[in-house]
Amino acid sequence: MTQRKNLKPTAGELEILQVLWRHGPSTVRFVNDRLNESKEVGYTTTLKLMQLMFDKGILERDTSQRSHIYWSLLAEQETQGALLDRFLETAFSGSALKLVMQVLGNRDTSEEEIEQIRIFLDDLERDKR
């Protein structure tokens, strides 16, 4: 698993991973159909990208059927955490405060979201005691 932690999925790879995390093991056709719901992507482009992801150790596949089934070898939360850590370091010099202030200052945050953030912060504070 350590080897996979060092992988840096591209934007296109992340889109495919999102489909697989949301829907589970899937055919290339299914993934391509989901991707085409938001933008036009050719089937052969999706196929090639998924084959490359298999070669890189990001995906696994079952080739026992005519339509190969692919699934992610990367855990969603772990991958998101690693990408966020890298982004935090490169864009905000490691400052979580700067990141949060930027996010909250650049968009309309609903009262419900603010309340969820308060609960999260209260839980963090309680866990540190």
N, C-alpha and C. Protein backbone atom coordinates (compact mmCIF):
# COMPACT_ATOMS: atom_id res chain seq x y z
N MET A 1 0.82 -1.20 0.00
CA MET A 1 0.00 0.00 0.00
C MET A 1 0.86 1.25 0.00
N THR A 2 2.05 1.20 0.57
CA THR A 2 2.92 2.36 0.60
C THR A 2 3.21 2.85 -0.81
N GLN A 3 3.41 1.93 -1.74
CA GLN A 3 3.68 2.31 -3.12
C GLN A 3 2.51 3.11 -3.69
N ARG A 4 1.29 2.70 -3.40
CA ARG A 4 0.11 3.40 -3.91
C ARG A 4 -0.05 4.78 -3.29
N LYS A 5 0.40 4.98 -2.05
CA LYS A 5 0.29 6.28 -1.39
C LYS A 5 1.06 7.34 -2.14
N ASN A 6 2.12 6.94 -2.85
CA ASN A 6 2.95 7.89 -3.56
C ASN A 6 2.41 8.22 -4.95
N LEU A 7 1.34 7.53 -5.38
CA LEU A 7 0.77 7.80 -6.68
C LEU A 7 0.06 9.15 -6.68
N LYS A 8 0.17 9.84 -7.79
CA LYS A 8 -0.46 11.14 -7.92
C LYS A 8 -1.42 11.09 -9.11
N PRO A 9 -2.68 10.73 -8.86
CA PRO A 9 -3.63 10.64 -9.97
C PRO A 9 -3.80 11.99 -10.67
N THR A 10 -3.89 11.94 -11.99
CA THR A 10 -4.14 13.14 -12.78
C THR A 10 -5.62 13.53 -12.64
N ALA A 11 -5.98 14.67 -13.19
CA ALA A 11 -7.38 15.12 -13.14
C ALA A 11 -8.29 14.11 -13.83
N GLY A 12 -7.87 13.60 -14.99
CA GLY A 12 -8.67 12.61 -15.71
C GLY A 12 -8.80 11.31 -14.92
N GLU A 13 -7.71 10.90 -14.29
CA GLU A 13 -7.74 9.69 -13.47
C GLU A 13 -8.66 9.87 -12.27
N LEU A 14 -8.65 11.05 -11.69
CA LEU A 14 -9.53 11.32 -10.55
C LEU A 14 -11.00 11.25 -10.94
N GLU A 15 -11.32 11.71 -12.15
CA GLU A 15 -12.71 11.61 -12.61
C GLU A 15 -13.14 10.15 -12.70
N ILE A 16 -12.27 9.30 -13.21
CA ILE A 16 -12.57 7.87 -13.29
C ILE A 16 -12.68 7.27 -11.90
N LEU A 17 -11.76 7.64 -11.01
CA LEU A 17 -11.81 7.13 -9.64
C LEU A 17 -13.12 7.54 -8.96
N GLN A 18 -13.57 8.76 -9.21
CA GLN A 18 -14.83 9.22 -8.60
C GLN A 18 -15.99 8.30 -9.02
N VAL A 19 -16.03 7.93 -10.28
CA VAL A 19 -17.09 7.04 -10.77
C VAL A 19 -16.98 5.68 -10.07
N LEU A 20 -15.77 5.14 -9.99
CA LEU A 20 -15.58 3.82 -9.38
C LEU A 20 -15.85 3.86 -7.88
N TRP A 21 -15.46 4.92 -7.20
CA TRP A 21 -15.75 5.04 -5.77
C TRP A 21 -17.26 5.14 -5.53
N ARG A 22 -17.95 5.85 -6.39
CA ARG A 22 -19.39 6.05 -6.22
C ARG A 22 -20.19 4.81 -6.59
N HIS A 23 -19.78 4.11 -7.66
CA HIS A 23 -20.60 3.01 -8.20
C HIS A 23 -20.00 1.62 -8.00
N GLY A 24 -18.75 1.54 -7.56
CA GLY A 24 -18.11 0.24 -7.38
C GLY A 24 -17.56 -0.31 -8.69
N PRO A 25 -17.14 -1.57 -8.68
CA PRO A 25 -16.54 -2.18 -9.88
C PRO A 25 -17.44 -1.99 -11.11
N SER A 26 -16.81 -1.57 -12.22
CA SER A 26 -17.59 -1.18 -13.39
C SER A 26 -16.83 -1.50 -14.68
N THR A 27 -17.59 -1.59 -15.76
CA THR A 27 -16.99 -1.74 -17.08
C THR A 27 -16.53 -0.37 -17.59
N VAL A 28 -15.70 -0.40 -18.61
CA VAL A 28 -15.25 0.84 -19.24
C VAL A 28 -16.46 1.58 -19.80
N ARG A 29 -17.39 0.87 -20.42
CA ARG A 29 -18.59 1.49 -20.99
C ARG A 29 -19.37 2.25 -19.92
N PHE A 30 -19.56 1.61 -18.75
CA PHE A 30 -20.30 2.26 -17.67
C PHE A 30 -19.59 3.53 -17.21
N VAL A 31 -18.28 3.44 -17.00
CA VAL A 31 -17.49 4.60 -16.57
C VAL A 31 -17.59 5.70 -17.62
N ASN A 32 -17.42 5.34 -18.88
CA ASN A 32 -17.49 6.32 -19.95
C ASN A 32 -18.86 6.99 -20.01
N ASP A 33 -19.92 6.22 -19.83
CA ASP A 33 -21.27 6.79 -19.83
C ASP A 33 -21.44 7.80 -18.69
N ARG A 34 -20.91 7.48 -17.50
CA ARG A 34 -21.00 8.42 -16.37
C ARG A 34 -20.20 9.69 -16.65
N LEU A 35 -19.01 9.54 -17.22
CA LEU A 35 -18.18 10.70 -17.53
C LEU A 35 -18.88 11.59 -18.55
N ASN A 36 -19.58 10.99 -19.50
CA ASN A 36 -20.26 11.74 -20.54
C ASN A 36 -21.48 12.49 -20.03
N GLU A 37 -21.88 12.26 -18.80
CA GLU A 37 -22.98 13.02 -18.21
C GLU A 37 -22.58 14.47 -17.95
N SER A 38 -21.26 14.71 -17.79
CA SER A 38 -20.81 16.08 -17.50
C SER A 38 -19.96 16.68 -18.62
N LYS A 39 -19.34 15.85 -19.44
CA LYS A 39 -18.57 16.36 -20.59
C LYS A 39 -18.37 15.22 -21.58
N GLU A 40 -18.11 15.58 -22.82
CA GLU A 40 -17.95 14.56 -23.85
C GLU A 40 -16.56 13.93 -23.76
N VAL A 41 -16.57 12.60 -23.59
CA VAL A 41 -15.32 11.84 -23.52
C VAL A 41 -15.48 10.62 -24.42
N GLY A 42 -14.52 10.40 -25.29
CA GLY A 42 -14.59 9.25 -26.19
C GLY A 42 -14.34 7.95 -25.44
N TYR A 43 -15.00 6.89 -25.90
CA TYR A 43 -14.85 5.58 -25.27
C TYR A 43 -13.39 5.13 -25.29
N THR A 44 -12.72 5.30 -26.42
CA THR A 44 -11.33 4.82 -26.51
C THR A 44 -10.41 5.62 -25.58
N THR A 45 -10.74 6.88 -25.35
CA THR A 45 -9.96 7.69 -24.40
C THR A 45 -10.11 7.13 -23.00
N THR A 46 -11.35 6.82 -22.60
CA THR A 46 -11.60 6.24 -21.28
C THR A 46 -10.92 4.89 -21.16
N LEU A 47 -11.03 4.06 -22.19
CA LEU A 47 -10.40 2.73 -22.18
C LEU A 47 -8.89 2.86 -22.00
N LYS A 48 -8.26 3.71 -22.77
CA LYS A 48 -6.79 3.86 -22.70
C LYS A 48 -6.37 4.37 -21.32
N LEU A 49 -7.11 5.34 -20.80
CA LEU A 49 -6.77 5.88 -19.49
C LEU A 49 -6.91 4.82 -18.40
N MET A 50 -7.96 4.01 -18.48
CA MET A 50 -8.15 2.95 -17.48
C MET A 50 -7.09 1.87 -17.62
N GLN A 51 -6.67 1.57 -18.83
CA GLN A 51 -5.57 0.61 -19.02
C GLN A 51 -4.27 1.15 -18.43
N LEU A 52 -4.00 2.44 -18.63
CA LEU A 52 -2.82 3.06 -18.04
C LEU A 52 -2.89 3.05 -16.51
N MET A 53 -4.08 3.30 -15.98
CA MET A 53 -4.27 3.28 -14.52
C MET A 53 -4.04 1.87 -13.98
N PHE A 54 -4.43 0.87 -14.74
CA PHE A 54 -4.16 -0.52 -14.35
C PHE A 54 -2.64 -0.76 -14.33
N ASP A 55 -1.96 -0.31 -15.37
CA ASP A 55 -0.50 -0.47 -15.46
C ASP A 55 0.22 0.25 -14.32
N LYS A 56 -0.32 1.38 -13.87
CA LYS A 56 0.29 2.16 -12.78
C LYS A 56 -0.05 1.61 -11.40
N GLY A 57 -0.96 0.64 -11.33
CA GLY A 57 -1.34 0.08 -10.03
C GLY A 57 -2.43 0.85 -9.32
N ILE A 58 -3.15 1.69 -10.06
CA ILE A 58 -4.26 2.44 -9.48
C ILE A 58 -5.55 1.64 -9.54
N LEU A 59 -5.70 0.86 -10.62
CA LEU A 59 -6.88 0.02 -10.81
C LEU A 59 -6.50 -1.45 -10.90
N GLU A 60 -7.45 -2.29 -10.59
CA GLU A 60 -7.34 -3.73 -10.83
C GLU A 60 -8.46 -4.08 -11.79
N ARG A 61 -8.35 -5.22 -12.46
CA ARG A 61 -9.41 -5.62 -13.39
C ARG A 61 -9.60 -7.12 -13.40
N ASP A 62 -10.83 -7.49 -13.74
CA ASP A 62 -11.20 -8.90 -13.92
C ASP A 62 -11.40 -9.10 -15.41
N THR A 63 -10.58 -9.96 -16.01
CA THR A 63 -10.64 -10.18 -17.45
C THR A 63 -11.32 -11.49 -17.81
N SER A 64 -12.02 -12.10 -16.84
CA SER A 64 -12.63 -13.40 -17.09
C SER A 64 -13.88 -13.32 -17.97
N GLN A 65 -14.46 -12.15 -18.11
CA GLN A 65 -15.65 -11.95 -18.96
C GLN A 65 -15.24 -11.15 -20.20
N ARG A 66 -16.12 -11.09 -21.17
CA ARG A 66 -15.85 -10.32 -22.39
C ARG A 66 -15.64 -8.84 -22.04
N SER A 67 -16.53 -8.28 -21.22
CA SER A 67 -16.37 -6.90 -20.75
C SER A 67 -15.57 -6.91 -19.45
N HIS A 68 -14.40 -6.35 -19.49
CA HIS A 68 -13.55 -6.32 -18.30
C HIS A 68 -14.16 -5.42 -17.24
N ILE A 69 -14.03 -5.85 -16.00
CA ILE A 69 -14.54 -5.08 -14.86
C ILE A 69 -13.32 -4.48 -14.14
N TYR A 70 -13.38 -3.16 -13.90
CA TYR A 70 -12.30 -2.45 -13.22
C TYR A 70 -12.77 -1.97 -11.85
N TRP A 71 -11.84 -1.89 -10.90
CA TRP A 71 -12.12 -1.29 -9.60
C TRP A 71 -10.86 -0.61 -9.09
N SER A 72 -11.08 0.33 -8.19
CA SER A 72 -9.99 1.13 -7.66
C SER A 72 -9.21 0.36 -6.60
N LEU A 73 -7.91 0.50 -6.64
CA LEU A 73 -7.04 -0.02 -5.58
C LEU A 73 -6.71 1.08 -4.56
N LEU A 74 -7.17 2.30 -4.85
CA LEU A 74 -6.93 3.42 -3.95
C LEU A 74 -8.20 3.71 -3.16
N ALA A 75 -8.06 3.87 -1.86
CA ALA A 75 -9.19 4.23 -1.02
C ALA A 75 -9.52 5.70 -1.23
N GLU A 76 -10.80 6.02 -1.31
CA GLU A 76 -11.22 7.39 -1.59
C GLU A 76 -10.70 8.37 -0.54
N GLN A 77 -10.96 8.09 0.72
CA GLN A 77 -10.58 9.03 1.77
C GLN A 77 -9.06 9.19 1.86
N GLU A 78 -8.34 8.11 1.72
CA GLU A 78 -6.87 8.17 1.77
C GLU A 78 -6.31 8.98 0.60
N THR A 79 -6.87 8.78 -0.58
CA THR A 79 -6.42 9.51 -1.76
C THR A 79 -6.73 10.99 -1.63
N GLN A 80 -7.95 11.32 -1.18
CA GLN A 80 -8.32 12.71 -0.98
C GLN A 80 -7.42 13.37 0.06
N GLY A 81 -7.11 12.64 1.13
CA GLY A 81 -6.24 13.18 2.17
C GLY A 81 -4.85 13.46 1.65
N ALA A 82 -4.31 12.55 0.86
CA ALA A 82 -2.96 12.74 0.30
C ALA A 82 -2.94 13.92 -0.66
N LEU A 83 -3.97 14.04 -1.50
CA LEU A 83 -4.04 15.16 -2.44
C LEU A 83 -4.21 16.48 -1.70
N LEU A 84 -5.02 16.49 -0.67
CA LEU A 84 -5.23 17.71 0.12
C LEU A 84 -3.94 18.10 0.84
N ASP A 85 -3.25 17.13 1.41
CA ASP A 85 -1.98 17.42 2.08
C ASP A 85 -0.99 18.07 1.11
N ARG A 86 -0.90 17.52 -0.09
CA ARG A 86 0.02 18.06 -1.09
C ARG A 86 -0.40 19.48 -1.48
N PHE A 87 -1.70 19.68 -1.68
CA PHE A 87 -2.23 21.00 -2.04
C PHE A 87 -1.99 22.00 -0.92
N LEU A 88 -2.21 21.58 0.31
CA LEU A 88 -2.01 22.45 1.47
C LEU A 88 -0.55 22.90 1.55
N GLU A 89 0.37 21.99 1.32
CA GLU A 89 1.79 22.32 1.37
C GLU A 89 2.19 23.26 0.24
N THR A 90 1.72 22.97 -0.97
CA THR A 90 2.19 23.76 -2.11
C THR A 90 1.48 25.10 -2.24
N ALA A 91 0.19 25.16 -1.95
CA ALA A 91 -0.57 26.39 -2.16
C ALA A 91 -0.66 27.29 -0.92
N PHE A 92 -0.57 26.69 0.28
CA PHE A 92 -0.78 27.46 1.50
C PHE A 92 0.35 27.31 2.51
N SER A 93 1.51 26.88 2.06
CA SER A 93 2.69 26.71 2.91
C SER A 93 2.37 25.89 4.16
N GLY A 94 1.47 24.93 4.01
CA GLY A 94 1.14 24.03 5.12
C GLY A 94 0.17 24.60 6.13
N SER A 95 -0.37 25.80 5.90
CA SER A 95 -1.26 26.44 6.86
C SER A 95 -2.72 26.05 6.62
N ALA A 96 -3.27 25.25 7.51
CA ALA A 96 -4.68 24.88 7.43
C ALA A 96 -5.56 26.11 7.63
N LEU A 97 -5.12 27.03 8.47
CA LEU A 97 -5.88 28.26 8.71
C LEU A 97 -6.06 29.05 7.42
N LYS A 98 -4.96 29.24 6.67
CA LYS A 98 -5.04 29.98 5.41
C LYS A 98 -5.99 29.29 4.43
N LEU A 99 -5.93 27.97 4.38
CA LEU A 99 -6.80 27.21 3.48
C LEU A 99 -8.27 27.41 3.85
N VAL A 100 -8.58 27.25 5.12
CA VAL A 100 -9.97 27.38 5.58
C VAL A 100 -10.48 28.79 5.37
N MET A 101 -9.67 29.78 5.69
CA MET A 101 -10.07 31.18 5.51
C MET A 101 -10.34 31.48 4.03
N GLN A 102 -9.50 30.95 3.17
CA GLN A 102 -9.68 31.15 1.72
C GLN A 102 -10.97 30.49 1.25
N VAL A 103 -11.20 29.27 1.65
CA VAL A 103 -12.40 28.54 1.23
C VAL A 103 -13.66 29.25 1.73
N LEU A 104 -13.69 29.59 3.00
CA LEU A 104 -14.89 30.22 3.56
C LEU A 104 -15.09 31.64 3.04
N GLY A 105 -14.00 32.32 2.69
CA GLY A 105 -14.11 33.68 2.20
C GLY A 105 -14.47 33.79 0.73
N ASN A 106 -14.29 32.71 -0.01
CA ASN A 106 -14.51 32.76 -1.46
C ASN A 106 -15.84 32.18 -1.92
N ARG A 107 -16.67 31.74 -0.99
CA ARG A 107 -17.94 31.17 -1.42
C ARG A 107 -19.00 31.43 -0.37
N ASP A 108 -20.25 31.32 -0.79
CA ASP A 108 -21.35 31.47 0.15
C ASP A 108 -21.47 30.18 0.94
N THR A 109 -21.26 30.27 2.22
CA THR A 109 -21.35 29.10 3.10
C THR A 109 -22.69 29.15 3.80
N SER A 110 -23.46 28.06 3.69
CA SER A 110 -24.79 28.04 4.30
C SER A 110 -24.68 27.94 5.82
N GLU A 111 -25.76 28.33 6.48
CA GLU A 111 -25.82 28.22 7.94
C GLU A 111 -25.62 26.76 8.37
N GLU A 112 -26.18 25.84 7.60
CA GLU A 112 -26.05 24.41 7.90
C GLU A 112 -24.58 23.97 7.84
N GLU A 113 -23.86 24.44 6.81
CA GLU A 113 -22.44 24.11 6.69
C GLU A 113 -21.65 24.71 7.84
N ILE A 114 -21.95 25.94 8.20
CA ILE A 114 -21.25 26.58 9.31
C ILE A 114 -21.50 25.81 10.61
N GLU A 115 -22.72 25.37 10.81
CA GLU A 115 -23.04 24.60 12.02
C GLU A 115 -22.30 23.26 12.02
N GLN A 116 -22.20 22.61 10.87
CA GLN A 116 -21.45 21.35 10.78
C GLN A 116 -19.97 21.59 11.06
N ILE A 117 -19.43 22.71 10.60
CA ILE A 117 -18.03 23.06 10.88
C ILE A 117 -17.84 23.28 12.38
N ARG A 118 -18.79 23.98 13.02
CA ARG A 118 -18.70 24.20 14.48
C ARG A 118 -18.70 22.87 15.24
N ILE A 119 -19.58 21.97 14.84
CA ILE A 119 -19.66 20.65 15.50
C ILE A 119 -18.34 19.91 15.30
N PHE A 120 -17.81 19.96 14.09
CA PHE A 120 -16.54 19.30 13.81
C PHE A 120 -15.41 19.87 14.67
N LEU A 121 -15.35 21.20 14.76
CA LEU A 121 -14.32 21.84 15.58
C LEU A 121 -14.49 21.50 17.06
N ASP A 122 -15.73 21.48 17.53
CA ASP A 122 -15.98 21.09 18.92
C ASP A 122 -15.51 19.66 19.19
N ASP A 123 -15.78 18.76 18.25
CA ASP A 123 -15.34 17.37 18.38
C ASP A 123 -13.82 17.27 18.39
N LEU A 124 -13.17 18.03 17.52
CA LEU A 124 -11.70 18.04 17.49
C LEU A 124 -11.13 18.52 18.82
N GLU A 125 -11.71 19.59 19.33
CA GLU A 125 -11.25 20.16 20.60
C GLU A 125 -11.44 19.17 21.74
N ARG A 126 -12.58 18.50 21.75
CA ARG A 126 -12.89 17.53 22.80
C ARG A 126 -11.92 16.33 22.73
N ASP A 127 -11.58 15.91 21.52
CA ASP A 127 -10.68 14.77 21.33
C ASP A 127 -9.25 15.10 21.76
N LYS A 128 -8.87 16.36 21.70
CA LYS A 128 -7.50 16.76 22.07
C LYS A 128 -7.31 16.84 23.58
N ARG A 129 -8.40 16.85 24.33
CA ARG A 129 -8.29 16.95 25.80
C ARG A 129 -7.96 15.63 26.43
